[in-house]
Amino acid sequence: MSEKPALKSAYLLSGSDRPKVEHAVRRLRARFLDEAVEIVSALEVTGPDVVTLCNSGSLFGDARLVLITDIDGRRKEDNRPPTGGWKAADIEACVTYLAAPAPDTVLAAVGLDVKKDAAIAKACAKVGDLLIFDVAKRGRVAWVAERFRQAGVKAETDACALLVQYIGDEDLHALANEITKIATWAQGEPIGVAEIEQLVTPIADVAPFALTDAWAERRQGRLLDLCETMFERSDKSRRDTAPRLATTLNGHLSRMRQLKRLADEGVAARDAALALKMHPFAGEKAYRHAEGFSDEELASATVRFAELDLALKGGSRLAADVELQRALIAVSAEPGQT
């Protein structure tokens, strides 16, 4: 069995792949006795306080770990920058300490989005390691596929893309939990779109694609139920939510019309998606949706959404949600039914 690598004086752990960051933190903590680990938050202690902890030594002479979290703060809301992190003076205190760190102490700084060129990162790099785990937005599907692979399951690319659409691409913890659940159920068997549809329920807000799927399938009852769910779960009023949903649907209609023109020219689904710079999974699905409507129906839907836009901007006395629902019934009707 190979020996574990020697510990270094400092580590910086950060990045959008929070499951991997937390796994790295757990592995680092496992190298120390519980009583030799000090965990503090940058929201509660200053840089000089952490330096004092690092220099205090151990009563038993063992190696110590001083773990400082929230270096660059915490997020109060998704998609918002973190707040409450250390100020320049706090960072400077640790940078000065790392120029001559205590020999038996490891300092580990954990952040959300600390860049490699940040002062604390440069100081850690000189005497230790930077463990920065990032996943680009466009790399979420590949990330899901790799997590399935690590769990011993082969998942189709479309299945991975569908899982991201069901759960969202912001919360990697939620994605990781779903992957674990699905992999346990699969017992090594491959995972396709059908398994994701069977096993996973969209969380939080209803994903917009669920609405467009119901529209394409002309399932008016399902379409209206989903629309109502999105109104109920929105943090905005129904009056403000209706235009947002209308914009989503109108955007999908625009893509369907473009894809249908490409289909008429003999362009294959995946090539059409690439031509419009769409993700292959989303593009191929919209391509299939477009096949279910005639050119006349798509043109009529364009006019109907223009009428909806006018109604939502004050052209109607009806409530915004009612106008949206009326439009959905019209554009999803079977041919000859209006």
Protein backbone atom coordinates (compact mmCIF):
# COMPACT_ATOMS: atom_id res chain seq x y z
CA MET A 1 0.00 0.00 0.00
CA SER A 2 1.40 3.40 -0.99
CA GLU A 3 2.07 5.91 1.75
CA LYS A 4 0.00 9.04 2.01
CA PRO A 5 1.78 12.15 0.71
CA ALA A 6 3.34 14.38 3.34
CA LEU A 7 1.16 17.20 4.55
CA LYS A 8 2.02 20.71 3.46
CA SER A 9 1.80 23.89 5.48
CA ALA A 10 -1.24 25.33 3.72
CA TYR A 11 -4.12 24.43 1.44
CA LEU A 12 -6.70 26.53 -0.33
CA LEU A 13 -9.90 24.70 -1.25
CA SER A 14 -12.46 26.44 -3.43
CA GLY A 15 -14.62 26.17 -6.55
CA SER A 16 -18.12 25.57 -7.82
CA ASP A 17 -17.89 21.77 -7.46
CA ARG A 18 -18.91 21.87 -3.81
CA PRO A 19 -19.29 18.07 -3.41
CA LYS A 20 -15.65 17.66 -4.49
CA VAL A 21 -14.49 20.55 -2.29
CA GLU A 22 -16.23 19.00 0.72
CA HIS A 23 -14.80 15.58 -0.09
CA ALA A 24 -11.30 17.09 -0.15
CA VAL A 25 -11.94 18.77 3.21
CA ARG A 26 -13.07 15.46 4.72
CA ARG A 27 -9.96 13.71 3.43
CA LEU A 28 -7.75 16.40 4.89
CA ARG A 29 -9.48 16.27 8.28
CA ALA A 30 -9.08 12.48 8.36
CA ARG A 31 -5.31 12.97 8.50
CA PHE A 32 -5.59 14.48 12.01
CA LEU A 33 -6.88 13.44 15.39
CA ASP A 34 -10.23 15.05 16.18
CA GLU A 35 -8.76 16.97 19.11
CA ALA A 36 -6.06 18.37 16.83
CA VAL A 37 -8.53 20.08 14.47
CA GLU A 38 -9.68 23.68 14.94
CA ILE A 39 -12.56 24.79 12.70
CA VAL A 40 -13.51 28.46 12.57
CA SER A 41 -15.42 30.71 10.19
CA ALA A 42 -14.09 33.88 8.62
CA LEU A 43 -17.51 35.35 9.41
CA GLU A 44 -16.70 35.08 13.12
CA VAL A 45 -12.93 35.40 13.54
CA THR A 46 -10.33 37.78 12.14
CA GLY A 47 -7.15 37.02 10.27
CA PRO A 48 -4.97 37.84 13.31
CA ASP A 49 -7.13 35.47 15.39
CA VAL A 50 -6.39 32.64 12.97
CA VAL A 51 -2.68 33.43 13.04
CA THR A 52 -2.78 33.16 16.84
CA LEU A 53 -4.47 29.76 16.54
CA CYS A 54 -1.82 28.57 14.11
CA ASN A 55 1.01 29.66 16.38
CA SER A 56 -0.48 28.33 19.60
CA GLY A 57 0.84 24.78 19.13
CA SER A 58 -0.52 21.55 20.57
CA LEU A 59 -0.41 20.45 24.20
CA PHE A 60 0.40 16.93 23.02
CA GLY A 61 2.91 17.83 20.33
CA ASP A 62 0.77 16.40 17.54
CA ALA A 63 0.31 17.94 14.10
CA ARG A 64 -2.61 20.38 14.04
CA LEU A 65 -5.11 21.50 11.42
CA VAL A 66 -6.59 24.99 11.52
CA LEU A 67 -9.52 25.02 9.10
CA ILE A 68 -10.93 28.42 8.24
CA THR A 69 -14.20 28.44 6.26
CA ASP A 70 -16.08 31.20 4.45
CA ILE A 71 -12.92 33.03 3.36
CA ASP A 72 -14.86 34.96 0.74
CA GLY A 73 -18.18 34.89 2.60
CA ARG A 74 -21.48 33.09 2.10
CA ARG A 75 -24.24 33.41 -0.45
CA LYS A 76 -27.57 34.52 0.89
CA GLU A 77 -29.24 33.76 -2.43
CA ASP A 78 -28.40 31.61 -5.43
CA ASN A 79 -26.71 33.43 -8.31
CA ARG A 80 -25.66 36.26 -5.98
CA PRO A 81 -22.07 37.04 -4.97
CA PRO A 82 -21.02 35.87 -1.49
CA THR A 83 -20.89 38.46 1.29
CA GLY A 84 -19.24 38.73 4.70
CA GLY A 85 -15.80 37.38 3.86
CA TRP A 86 -12.45 38.59 5.13
CA LYS A 87 -11.25 42.10 4.47
CA ALA A 88 -7.83 43.01 3.11
CA ALA A 89 -6.31 43.34 6.62
CA ASP A 90 -7.44 39.81 7.55
CA ILE A 91 -5.98 38.35 4.36
CA GLU A 92 -2.73 40.27 4.88
CA ALA A 93 -2.32 38.81 8.37
CA CYS A 94 -2.50 35.26 6.98
CA VAL A 95 -0.27 36.09 4.03
CA THR A 96 2.37 37.38 6.45
CA TYR A 97 2.00 34.24 8.60
CA LEU A 98 2.42 31.94 5.59
CA ALA A 99 5.77 33.51 4.81
CA ALA A 100 7.04 31.59 7.88
CA PRO A 101 4.33 29.10 8.98
CA ALA A 102 4.43 27.12 12.21
CA PRO A 103 6.15 23.76 11.53
CA ASP A 104 3.52 21.47 13.04
CA THR A 105 0.40 23.31 11.88
CA VAL A 106 -1.52 23.03 8.62
CA LEU A 107 -3.68 25.98 7.64
CA ALA A 108 -6.59 25.15 5.32
CA ALA A 109 -8.63 28.01 3.87
CA VAL A 110 -11.99 27.15 2.32
CA GLY A 111 -13.87 29.51 0.03
CA LEU A 112 -16.60 29.59 -2.58
CA ASP A 113 -14.93 31.30 -5.49
CA VAL A 114 -11.38 32.25 -4.53
CA LYS A 115 -9.30 32.87 -7.67
CA LYS A 116 -5.77 31.57 -8.18
CA ASP A 117 -4.43 35.10 -8.40
CA ALA A 118 -5.95 36.18 -5.07
CA ALA A 119 -3.42 37.16 -2.39
CA ILE A 120 -4.40 34.29 -0.07
CA ALA A 121 -4.15 31.80 -2.98
CA LYS A 122 -0.67 32.98 -3.97
CA ALA A 123 0.52 32.72 -0.36
CA CYS A 124 -0.90 29.20 0.01
CA ALA A 125 0.63 28.11 -3.28
CA LYS A 126 4.13 29.04 -2.10
CA VAL A 127 4.04 26.66 0.86
CA GLY A 128 1.21 24.29 -0.01
CA ASP A 129 -1.41 23.37 -2.60
CA LEU A 130 -4.35 25.01 -4.34
CA LEU A 131 -7.29 22.60 -4.58
CA ILE A 132 -9.73 24.47 -6.81
CA PHE A 133 -12.54 22.39 -8.25
CA ASP A 134 -14.66 24.21 -10.81
CA VAL A 135 -17.38 22.99 -13.17
CA ALA A 136 -18.28 25.26 -16.06
CA LYS A 137 -21.99 25.75 -16.76
CA ARG A 138 -21.57 24.07 -20.11
CA GLY A 139 -19.79 21.19 -18.40
CA ARG A 140 -22.59 20.16 -16.05
CA VAL A 141 -23.75 17.27 -18.26
CA ALA A 142 -20.23 15.86 -18.50
CA TRP A 143 -19.90 16.27 -14.72
CA VAL A 144 -23.08 14.21 -14.20
CA ALA A 145 -21.84 11.52 -16.58
CA GLU A 146 -18.54 11.30 -14.73
CA ARG A 147 -20.29 11.02 -11.35
CA PHE A 148 -22.38 8.16 -12.73
CA ARG A 149 -19.21 6.51 -14.03
CA GLN A 150 -17.59 6.80 -10.61
CA ALA A 151 -20.69 5.15 -9.14
CA GLY A 152 -20.27 2.24 -11.56
CA VAL A 153 -23.12 3.17 -13.87
CA LYS A 154 -23.06 4.14 -17.55
CA ALA A 155 -25.55 6.93 -18.25
CA GLU A 156 -26.54 8.11 -21.71
CA THR A 157 -25.66 11.71 -22.51
CA ASP A 158 -29.32 12.57 -23.07
CA ALA A 159 -30.18 11.05 -19.69
CA CYS A 160 -27.51 13.20 -18.01
CA ALA A 161 -28.82 16.29 -19.78
CA LEU A 162 -32.37 15.49 -18.70
CA LEU A 163 -31.27 15.08 -15.08
CA VAL A 164 -29.63 18.53 -15.20
CA GLN A 165 -32.85 19.97 -16.59
CA TYR A 166 -34.92 18.26 -13.89
CA ILE A 167 -32.73 19.34 -10.97
CA GLY A 168 -31.13 22.50 -12.34
CA ASP A 169 -27.49 23.35 -12.91
CA GLU A 170 -26.89 25.46 -9.81
CA ASP A 171 -27.14 22.95 -6.95
CA LEU A 172 -24.48 20.29 -7.54
CA HIS A 173 -25.29 18.79 -4.15
CA ALA A 174 -28.81 18.03 -5.31
CA LEU A 175 -27.47 16.55 -8.54
CA ALA A 176 -24.96 14.41 -6.63
CA ASN A 177 -27.71 13.13 -4.32
CA GLU A 178 -29.91 12.19 -7.27
CA ILE A 179 -27.01 10.41 -8.97
CA THR A 180 -26.36 8.38 -5.82
CA LYS A 181 -30.04 7.45 -5.57
CA ILE A 182 -30.30 6.46 -9.23
CA ALA A 183 -27.03 4.52 -9.21
CA THR A 184 -28.14 2.57 -6.16
CA TRP A 185 -31.40 1.68 -7.91
CA ALA A 186 -29.63 0.78 -11.17
CA GLN A 187 -27.28 -1.78 -9.59
CA GLY A 188 -24.80 -1.35 -12.43
CA GLU A 189 -27.37 -1.36 -15.25
CA PRO A 190 -27.20 1.49 -17.80
CA ILE A 191 -29.35 4.59 -17.34
CA GLY A 192 -31.32 6.18 -20.16
CA VAL A 193 -33.89 8.94 -20.51
CA ALA A 194 -36.73 6.57 -19.57
CA GLU A 195 -35.11 5.79 -16.19
CA ILE A 196 -34.62 9.49 -15.40
CA GLU A 197 -38.25 10.20 -16.27
CA GLN A 198 -39.33 7.30 -14.05
CA LEU A 199 -37.12 7.98 -11.04
CA VAL A 200 -36.65 11.75 -10.85
CA THR A 201 -39.18 14.43 -10.03
CA PRO A 202 -38.28 18.02 -10.92
CA ILE A 203 -37.51 19.97 -7.75
CA ALA A 204 -38.20 23.58 -6.76
CA ASP A 205 -39.67 25.40 -9.74
CA VAL A 206 -41.15 23.39 -12.57
CA ALA A 207 -38.56 23.25 -15.32
CA PRO A 208 -39.63 25.28 -18.40
CA PHE A 209 -39.01 22.27 -20.64
CA ALA A 210 -41.83 20.41 -18.83
CA LEU A 211 -44.17 23.15 -20.01
CA THR A 212 -42.91 22.98 -23.60
CA ASP A 213 -43.13 19.17 -23.57
CA ALA A 214 -46.80 19.31 -22.56
CA TRP A 215 -47.42 21.93 -25.25
CA ALA A 216 -45.77 19.79 -27.93
CA GLU A 217 -47.77 16.75 -26.82
CA ARG A 218 -50.99 18.84 -26.91
CA ARG A 219 -51.80 17.71 -23.36
CA GLN A 220 -53.86 20.72 -22.41
CA GLY A 221 -54.80 19.51 -18.94
CA ARG A 222 -51.17 18.79 -18.09
CA LEU A 223 -50.13 22.11 -19.62
CA LEU A 224 -52.56 24.12 -17.49
CA ASP A 225 -51.65 22.15 -14.34
CA LEU A 226 -47.95 22.88 -14.87
CA CYS A 227 -48.67 26.52 -15.57
CA GLU A 228 -50.64 26.80 -12.33
CA THR A 229 -47.85 25.09 -10.39
CA MET A 230 -45.34 27.57 -11.76
CA PHE A 231 -47.57 30.46 -10.72
CA GLU A 232 -47.92 29.03 -7.20
CA ARG A 233 -44.20 28.40 -6.74
CA SER A 234 -43.00 31.69 -8.16
CA ASP A 235 -41.65 34.25 -5.69
CA LYS A 236 -43.28 36.95 -7.83
CA SER A 237 -46.93 37.89 -8.34
CA ARG A 238 -48.99 36.13 -11.00
CA ARG A 239 -49.05 39.42 -12.91
CA ASP A 240 -45.24 39.47 -13.02
CA THR A 241 -44.80 35.73 -13.57
CA ALA A 242 -47.06 35.54 -16.63
CA PRO A 243 -44.76 37.67 -18.89
CA ARG A 244 -41.74 35.58 -17.86
CA LEU A 245 -43.51 32.34 -18.79
CA ALA A 246 -44.76 33.90 -22.01
CA THR A 247 -41.20 34.88 -22.93
CA THR A 248 -40.01 31.30 -22.32
CA LEU A 249 -42.77 29.85 -24.49
CA ASN A 250 -42.30 32.43 -27.24
CA GLY A 251 -38.56 31.68 -27.28
CA HIS A 252 -39.31 27.99 -27.69
CA LEU A 253 -41.72 28.78 -30.51
CA SER A 254 -39.06 30.84 -32.27
CA ARG A 255 -36.58 27.97 -32.03
CA MET A 256 -39.18 25.50 -33.30
CA ARG A 257 -39.82 27.65 -36.37
CA GLN A 258 -36.10 27.91 -37.09
CA LEU A 259 -35.60 24.18 -36.63
CA LYS A 260 -38.58 23.36 -38.83
CA ARG A 261 -37.12 25.46 -41.65
CA LEU A 262 -33.83 23.59 -41.29
CA ALA A 263 -35.69 20.27 -41.26
CA ASP A 264 -37.46 21.24 -44.48
CA GLU A 265 -34.01 21.83 -45.98
CA GLY A 266 -32.98 18.30 -45.01
CA VAL A 267 -30.79 19.24 -42.06
CA ALA A 268 -30.63 16.48 -39.40
CA ALA A 269 -31.74 17.21 -35.84
CA ARG A 270 -28.30 17.30 -34.21
CA ASP A 271 -26.81 19.38 -37.03
CA ALA A 272 -29.73 21.80 -36.80
CA ALA A 273 -29.18 22.16 -33.04
CA LEU A 274 -25.51 22.90 -33.59
CA ALA A 275 -26.34 25.45 -36.31
CA LEU A 276 -28.51 27.32 -33.80
CA LYS A 277 -25.89 26.92 -31.06
CA MET A 278 -28.27 24.90 -28.89
CA HIS A 279 -27.31 22.04 -26.61
CA PRO A 280 -27.81 18.86 -28.67
CA PHE A 281 -30.30 17.40 -26.18
CA ALA A 282 -32.44 20.56 -26.03
CA GLY A 283 -32.10 21.15 -29.76
CA GLU A 284 -33.11 17.64 -30.77
CA LYS A 285 -36.09 17.77 -28.42
CA ALA A 286 -37.26 21.10 -29.90
CA TYR A 287 -36.70 19.61 -33.37
CA ARG A 288 -39.06 16.75 -32.50
CA HIS A 289 -41.56 19.23 -31.08
CA ALA A 290 -41.50 21.22 -34.34
CA GLU A 291 -42.26 18.06 -36.33
CA GLY A 292 -45.60 17.83 -34.55
CA PHE A 293 -46.84 21.18 -35.85
CA SER A 294 -47.55 22.40 -39.35
CA ASP A 295 -46.07 25.62 -40.69
CA GLU A 296 -49.53 27.16 -40.48
CA GLU A 297 -49.90 26.18 -36.83
CA LEU A 298 -46.53 27.67 -35.93
CA ALA A 299 -47.37 30.87 -37.79
CA SER A 300 -50.72 31.03 -36.01
CA ALA A 301 -48.99 30.49 -32.65
CA THR A 302 -46.66 33.39 -33.42
CA VAL A 303 -49.67 35.66 -33.96
CA ARG A 304 -51.32 34.33 -30.79
CA PHE A 305 -48.24 35.07 -28.67
CA ALA A 306 -48.07 38.57 -30.15
CA GLU A 307 -51.68 39.06 -29.03
CA LEU A 308 -50.73 37.71 -25.61
CA ASP A 309 -47.84 40.18 -25.37
CA LEU A 310 -50.22 43.04 -26.10
CA ALA A 311 -52.72 41.75 -23.53
CA LEU A 312 -50.04 41.45 -20.83
CA LYS A 313 -48.92 45.03 -21.52
CA GLY A 314 -52.34 46.47 -20.74
CA GLY A 315 -54.35 45.55 -23.80
CA SER A 316 -56.77 43.38 -21.87
CA ARG A 317 -58.94 43.71 -18.78
CA LEU A 318 -58.49 40.05 -17.97
CA ALA A 319 -55.94 38.93 -15.38
CA ALA A 320 -52.45 38.15 -16.75
CA ASP A 321 -52.58 34.49 -15.72
CA VAL A 322 -55.94 34.02 -17.42
CA GLU A 323 -54.61 35.55 -20.65
CA LEU A 324 -51.62 33.20 -20.56
CA GLN A 325 -53.81 30.17 -19.99
CA ARG A 326 -56.09 31.14 -22.88
CA ALA A 327 -53.07 31.41 -25.16
CA LEU A 328 -51.76 28.01 -24.05
CA ILE A 329 -55.11 26.38 -24.85
CA ALA A 330 -55.10 28.00 -28.29
CA VAL A 331 -51.56 27.03 -29.33
CA SER A 332 -51.84 23.46 -28.04
CA ALA A 333 -55.19 22.66 -29.61
CA GLU A 334 -55.48 19.79 -32.05
CA PRO A 335 -55.83 20.88 -35.70
CA GLY A 336 -59.36 22.06 -36.36
CA GLN A 337 -60.06 22.70 -32.66
CA THR A 338 -59.90 26.34 -31.62
